[in-house]
Amino acid sequence: MNSETWALVEDIATRVQHAVRAGDHPAIVGLYGDRNLTLSDYDYLISWATSLAFEIRAATQAQAIATHRWVFAVPQVWFHDGDTIQACPLFTAPLQLGETETISWMSYDEGDGIGYGRVEFARRPNGDPVFEEPEYFTTPMNPLPRHSGAALHRLLAANIPDLPSALPRRP
């Protein structure tokens, strides 16, 4: 991962950290192209439909500014069983054995391709989050189609000339 992409990872992860400290759990994407743009969505984790809708909006904005680098981050609860990482939205119940709160991130750079990582965090007894440093995964990843940022990547990689006009319209 190049230094420009890593700087964007740190910027977007910090933005999500500030939101989590304030009690919010938005998805945030930073787009770098002809100009830089940061988008956020507080309903992202409500459902697959709201997640997809945000990633479609982000992809149309990314295409409009000729994005060549982006980072997508979202706070989640992870459960790692040794082979698979399962993720779900943050919640107020106590964590179960094997669960961790984390900010999942996915990056893309035209020269370096896709990267994945996380910012793990724990909570003090008063509920305040304490964040680790951003972590970059060096082991190969096989994300499922619903991985945060995956729809954004697929839409941009499809090279659809005019993405907004190619998308189905709501009745």
C-alpha atoms as a PDB file:
ATOM      1  CA  MET A   1       0.000   0.000   0.000  1.00  0.00           C
ATOM      2  CA  ASN A   2       1.387   3.383  -0.933  1.00  0.00           C
ATOM      3  CA  SER A   3       1.727   6.295   1.481  1.00  0.00           C
ATOM      4  CA  GLU A   4      -1.109   8.319  -0.082  1.00  0.00           C
ATOM      5  CA  THR A   5      -3.585   5.479   0.364  1.00  0.00           C
ATOM      6  CA  TRP A   6      -2.355   4.838   3.910  1.00  0.00           C
ATOM      7  CA  ALA A   7      -2.842   8.542   4.743  1.00  0.00           C
ATOM      8  CA  LEU A   8      -6.420   8.277   3.437  1.00  0.00           C
ATOM      9  CA  VAL A   9      -6.998   5.119   5.533  1.00  0.00           C
ATOM     10  CA  GLU A  10      -5.845   7.005   8.631  1.00  0.00           C
ATOM     11  CA  ASP A  11      -8.005  10.045   7.779  1.00  0.00           C
ATOM     12  CA  ILE A  12     -11.195   8.057   7.191  1.00  0.00           C
ATOM     13  CA  ALA A  13     -10.575   5.771  10.196  1.00  0.00           C
ATOM     14  CA  THR A  14     -10.111   8.854  12.384  1.00  0.00           C
ATOM     15  CA  ARG A  15     -13.402  10.296  11.130  1.00  0.00           C
ATOM     16  CA  VAL A  16     -15.204   7.059  12.032  1.00  0.00           C
ATOM     17  CA  GLN A  17     -13.492   7.055  15.450  1.00  0.00           C
ATOM     18  CA  HIS A  18     -14.777  10.578  16.159  1.00  0.00           C
ATOM     19  CA  ALA A  19     -18.291   9.465  15.212  1.00  0.00           C
ATOM     20  CA  VAL A  20     -18.111   6.354  17.436  1.00  0.00           C
ATOM     21  CA  ARG A  21     -16.939   8.512  20.355  1.00  0.00           C
ATOM     22  CA  ALA A  22     -20.030  10.673  19.767  1.00  0.00           C
ATOM     23  CA  GLY A  23     -22.284   7.585  19.793  1.00  0.00           C
ATOM     24  CA  ASP A  24     -22.802   7.413  16.023  1.00  0.00           C
ATOM     25  CA  HIS A  25     -21.975   4.518  13.706  1.00  0.00           C
ATOM     26  CA  PRO A  26     -21.751   5.842  10.141  1.00  0.00           C
ATOM     27  CA  ALA A  27     -20.129   4.360   7.089  1.00  0.00           C
ATOM     28  CA  ILE A  28     -17.656   6.879   5.687  1.00  0.00           C
ATOM     29  CA  VAL A  29     -15.954   6.818   2.302  1.00  0.00           C
ATOM     30  CA  GLY A  30     -13.152   9.100   1.138  1.00  0.00           C
ATOM     31  CA  LEU A  31     -12.857   9.539  -2.628  1.00  0.00           C
ATOM     32  CA  TYR A  32      -9.719  11.003  -4.273  1.00  0.00           C
ATOM     33  CA  GLY A  33      -9.965  12.007  -7.907  1.00  0.00           C
ATOM     34  CA  ASP A  34     -10.169  15.293  -9.809  1.00  0.00           C
ATOM     35  CA  ARG A  35     -11.204  16.626  -6.402  1.00  0.00           C
ATOM     36  CA  ASN A  36     -11.508  15.005  -2.995  1.00  0.00           C
ATOM     37  CA  LEU A  37     -14.859  14.115  -1.498  1.00  0.00           C
ATOM     38  CA  THR A  38     -15.931  12.503   1.777  1.00  0.00           C
ATOM     39  CA  LEU A  39     -19.379  10.923   2.067  1.00  0.00           C
ATOM     40  CA  SER A  40     -21.069   9.436   5.117  1.00  0.00           C
ATOM     41  CA  ASP A  41     -24.235   7.490   5.775  1.00  0.00           C
ATOM     42  CA  TYR A  42     -25.723   6.901   9.211  1.00  0.00           C
ATOM     43  CA  ASP A  43     -28.302   4.363   7.964  1.00  0.00           C
ATOM     44  CA  TYR A  44     -25.697   2.137   6.278  1.00  0.00           C
ATOM     45  CA  LEU A  45     -25.912  -0.751   8.754  1.00  0.00           C
ATOM     46  CA  ILE A  46     -29.708  -0.812   9.031  1.00  0.00           C
ATOM     47  CA  SER A  47     -30.140  -3.276   6.164  1.00  0.00           C
ATOM     48  CA  TRP A  48     -28.566  -4.664   3.035  1.00  0.00           C
ATOM     49  CA  ALA A  49     -30.776  -2.318   0.983  1.00  0.00           C
ATOM     50  CA  THR A  50     -29.554   0.826   2.792  1.00  0.00           C
ATOM     51  CA  SER A  51     -25.948  -0.390   2.516  1.00  0.00           C
ATOM     52  CA  LEU A  52     -26.278  -1.005  -1.203  1.00  0.00           C
ATOM     53  CA  ALA A  53     -28.031   2.321  -1.790  1.00  0.00           C
ATOM     54  CA  PHE A  54     -25.160   4.202  -0.136  1.00  0.00           C
ATOM     55  CA  GLU A  55     -22.513   2.309  -2.103  1.00  0.00           C
ATOM     56  CA  ILE A  56     -24.377   3.055  -5.347  1.00  0.00           C
ATOM     57  CA  ARG A  57     -24.493   6.770  -4.459  1.00  0.00           C
ATOM     58  CA  ALA A  58     -20.791   6.671  -3.586  1.00  0.00           C
ATOM     59  CA  ALA A  59     -19.972   4.948  -6.892  1.00  0.00           C
ATOM     60  CA  THR A  60     -21.822   7.562  -8.940  1.00  0.00           C
ATOM     61  CA  GLN A  61     -19.984  10.337  -7.068  1.00  0.00           C
ATOM     62  CA  ALA A  62     -16.677   8.495  -7.499  1.00  0.00           C
ATOM     63  CA  GLN A  63     -17.240   8.196 -11.226  1.00  0.00           C
ATOM     64  CA  ALA A  64     -18.202  11.876 -11.496  1.00  0.00           C
ATOM     65  CA  ILE A  65     -14.886  13.003  -9.976  1.00  0.00           C
ATOM     66  CA  ALA A  66     -12.737  10.367 -11.752  1.00  0.00           C
ATOM     67  CA  THR A  67     -11.728   8.691  -8.489  1.00  0.00           C
ATOM     68  CA  HIS A  68      -8.405   6.867  -8.545  1.00  0.00           C
ATOM     69  CA  ARG A  69      -8.170   6.122  -4.817  1.00  0.00           C
ATOM     70  CA  TRP A  70     -10.791   5.510  -2.149  1.00  0.00           C
ATOM     71  CA  VAL A  71     -11.228   4.177   1.374  1.00  0.00           C
ATOM     72  CA  PHE A  72     -14.481   2.825   2.789  1.00  0.00           C
ATOM     73  CA  ALA A  73     -14.813   2.355   6.575  1.00  0.00           C
ATOM     74  CA  VAL A  74     -17.631   1.242   8.865  1.00  0.00           C
ATOM     75  CA  PRO A  75     -17.791   0.309  12.570  1.00  0.00           C
ATOM     76  CA  GLN A  76     -18.914  -3.267  13.248  1.00  0.00           C
ATOM     77  CA  VAL A  77     -18.792  -6.159  15.678  1.00  0.00           C
ATOM     78  CA  TRP A  78     -16.607  -8.989  14.424  1.00  0.00           C
ATOM     79  CA  PHE A  79     -16.705 -12.642  15.369  1.00  0.00           C
ATOM     80  CA  HIS A  80     -13.697 -14.637  14.186  1.00  0.00           C
ATOM     81  CA  ASP A  81     -14.034 -18.420  14.396  1.00  0.00           C
ATOM     82  CA  GLY A  82     -10.505 -19.088  13.131  1.00  0.00           C
ATOM     83  CA  ASP A  83     -11.478 -19.408   9.466  1.00  0.00           C
ATOM     84  CA  THR A  84     -14.175 -16.833   8.837  1.00  0.00           C
ATOM     85  CA  ILE A  85     -14.844 -13.344  10.121  1.00  0.00           C
ATOM     86  CA  GLN A  86     -18.529 -12.572  10.537  1.00  0.00           C
ATOM     87  CA  ALA A  87     -19.583  -8.952  10.954  1.00  0.00           C
ATOM     88  CA  CYS A  88     -22.715  -7.280  12.238  1.00  0.00           C
ATOM     89  CA  PRO A  89     -23.670  -3.731  13.259  1.00  0.00           C
ATOM     90  CA  LEU A  90     -22.500  -2.340  16.589  1.00  0.00           C
ATOM     91  CA  PHE A  91     -25.033  -2.822  19.349  1.00  0.00           C
ATOM     92  CA  THR A  92     -25.437  -1.917  22.996  1.00  0.00           C
ATOM     93  CA  ALA A  93     -25.471  -5.449  24.427  1.00  0.00           C
ATOM     94  CA  PRO A  94     -22.295  -6.807  26.015  1.00  0.00           C
ATOM     95  CA  LEU A  95     -19.908  -8.500  23.609  1.00  0.00           C
ATOM     96  CA  GLN A  96     -19.982 -12.284  23.555  1.00  0.00           C
ATOM     97  CA  LEU A  97     -16.894 -14.489  23.739  1.00  0.00           C
ATOM     98  CA  GLY A  98     -14.930 -14.100  20.495  1.00  0.00           C
ATOM     99  CA  GLU A  99     -16.559 -10.790  19.496  1.00  0.00           C
ATOM    100  CA  THR A 100     -14.628  -7.549  19.054  1.00  0.00           C
ATOM    101  CA  GLU A 101     -15.670  -4.056  18.106  1.00  0.00           C
ATOM    102  CA  THR A 102     -13.779  -2.822  15.100  1.00  0.00           C
ATOM    103  CA  ILE A 103     -13.764  -0.333  12.278  1.00  0.00           C
ATOM    104  CA  SER A 104     -13.540  -2.383   9.088  1.00  0.00           C
ATOM    105  CA  TRP A 105     -11.966  -0.681   6.126  1.00  0.00           C
ATOM    106  CA  MET A 106     -11.387  -1.424   2.471  1.00  0.00           C
ATOM    107  CA  SER A 107      -9.135   0.632   0.238  1.00  0.00           C
ATOM    108  CA  TYR A 108      -8.594   0.866  -3.488  1.00  0.00           C
ATOM    109  CA  ASP A 109      -5.797   2.524  -5.416  1.00  0.00           C
ATOM    110  CA  GLU A 110      -5.357   2.311  -9.201  1.00  0.00           C
ATOM    111  CA  GLY A 111      -1.698   1.359  -8.816  1.00  0.00           C
ATOM    112  CA  ASP A 112      -1.901  -0.926  -5.789  1.00  0.00           C
ATOM    113  CA  GLY A 113      -5.348  -2.492  -6.081  1.00  0.00           C
ATOM    114  CA  ILE A 114      -7.479  -3.459  -3.085  1.00  0.00           C
ATOM    115  CA  GLY A 115      -6.444  -3.493   0.567  1.00  0.00           C
ATOM    116  CA  TYR A 116      -8.275  -4.509   3.729  1.00  0.00           C
ATOM    117  CA  GLY A 117      -7.808  -3.826   7.392  1.00  0.00           C
ATOM    118  CA  ARG A 118      -9.345  -2.755  10.644  1.00  0.00           C
ATOM    119  CA  VAL A 119      -9.041  -0.542  13.685  1.00  0.00           C
ATOM    120  CA  GLU A 120      -9.913  -2.664  16.693  1.00  0.00           C
ATOM    121  CA  PHE A 121     -11.293  -0.993  19.795  1.00  0.00           C
ATOM    122  CA  ALA A 122     -12.411  -1.802  23.308  1.00  0.00           C
ATOM    123  CA  ARG A 123     -14.471   0.161  25.763  1.00  0.00           C
ATOM    124  CA  ARG A 124     -13.596   1.477  29.177  1.00  0.00           C
ATOM    125  CA  PRO A 125     -16.041   0.685  31.994  1.00  0.00           C
ATOM    126  CA  ASN A 126     -17.762   4.039  31.357  1.00  0.00           C
ATOM    127  CA  GLY A 127     -18.337   3.063  27.698  1.00  0.00           C
ATOM    128  CA  ASP A 128     -15.689   5.306  26.125  1.00  0.00           C
ATOM    129  CA  PRO A 129     -13.964   3.576  23.202  1.00  0.00           C
ATOM    130  CA  VAL A 130     -10.183   3.151  23.128  1.00  0.00           C
ATOM    131  CA  PHE A 131      -8.865   2.608  19.591  1.00  0.00           C
ATOM    132  CA  GLU A 132      -5.843   0.630  18.430  1.00  0.00           C
ATOM    133  CA  GLU A 133      -3.733   1.742  15.480  1.00  0.00           C
ATOM    134  CA  PRO A 134      -5.067   0.945  11.988  1.00  0.00           C
ATOM    135  CA  GLU A 135      -4.082  -2.555  10.906  1.00  0.00           C
ATOM    136  CA  TYR A 136      -3.429  -3.606   7.300  1.00  0.00           C
ATOM    137  CA  PHE A 137      -4.087  -7.254   6.448  1.00  0.00           C
ATOM    138  CA  THR A 138      -1.207  -8.873   4.579  1.00  0.00           C
ATOM    139  CA  THR A 139      -2.854 -12.291   4.289  1.00  0.00           C
ATOM    140  CA  PRO A 140      -5.072 -12.883   1.251  1.00  0.00           C
ATOM    141  CA  MET A 141      -8.722 -12.002   1.784  1.00  0.00           C
ATOM    142  CA  ASN A 142     -11.768 -13.566   0.170  1.00  0.00           C
ATOM    143  CA  PRO A 143     -14.582 -11.182   1.063  1.00  0.00           C
ATOM    144  CA  LEU A 144     -18.184 -12.117   0.460  1.00  0.00           C
ATOM    145  CA  PRO A 145     -20.203 -10.005  -1.999  1.00  0.00           C
ATOM    146  CA  ARG A 146     -21.801  -8.091   0.884  1.00  0.00           C
ATOM    147  CA  HIS A 147     -18.476  -6.988   2.398  1.00  0.00           C
ATOM    148  CA  SER A 148     -18.554  -3.253   3.107  1.00  0.00           C
ATOM    149  CA  GLY A 149     -17.220  -1.454   0.036  1.00  0.00           C
ATOM    150  CA  ALA A 150     -17.526  -4.476  -2.274  1.00  0.00           C
ATOM    151  CA  ALA A 151     -20.506  -3.114  -4.249  1.00  0.00           C
ATOM    152  CA  LEU A 152     -18.694   0.214  -4.648  1.00  0.00           C
ATOM    153  CA  HIS A 153     -15.672  -1.610  -6.043  1.00  0.00           C
ATOM    154  CA  ARG A 154     -17.724  -3.812  -8.390  1.00  0.00           C
ATOM    155  CA  LEU A 155     -19.613  -0.823  -9.777  1.00  0.00           C
ATOM    156  CA  LEU A 156     -16.438   1.157 -10.432  1.00  0.00           C
ATOM    157  CA  ALA A 157     -14.558  -1.852 -11.857  1.00  0.00           C
ATOM    158  CA  ALA A 158     -17.411  -2.488 -14.312  1.00  0.00           C
ATOM    159  CA  ASN A 159     -16.392   0.674 -16.209  1.00  0.00           C
ATOM    160  CA  ILE A 160     -19.973   1.571 -17.031  1.00  0.00           C
ATOM    161  CA  PRO A 161     -19.623   4.807 -19.057  1.00  0.00           C
ATOM    162  CA  ASP A 162     -22.515   6.711 -17.435  1.00  0.00           C
ATOM    163  CA  LEU A 163     -23.287   4.876 -14.209  1.00  0.00           C
ATOM    164  CA  PRO A 164     -26.283   6.989 -13.089  1.00  0.00           C
ATOM    165  CA  SER A 165     -28.150   6.422 -16.350  1.00  0.00           C
ATOM    166  CA  ALA A 166     -27.375   2.663 -16.290  1.00  0.00           C
ATOM    167  CA  LEU A 167     -28.910   2.121 -12.857  1.00  0.00           C
ATOM    168  CA  PRO A 168     -32.556   1.101 -12.508  1.00  0.00           C
ATOM    169  CA  ARG A 169     -34.883   3.878 -11.446  1.00  0.00           C
ATOM    170  CA  ARG A 170     -37.322   3.619  -8.573  1.00  0.00           C
ATOM    171  CA  PRO A 171     -40.969   3.641  -9.635  1.00  0.00           C
END
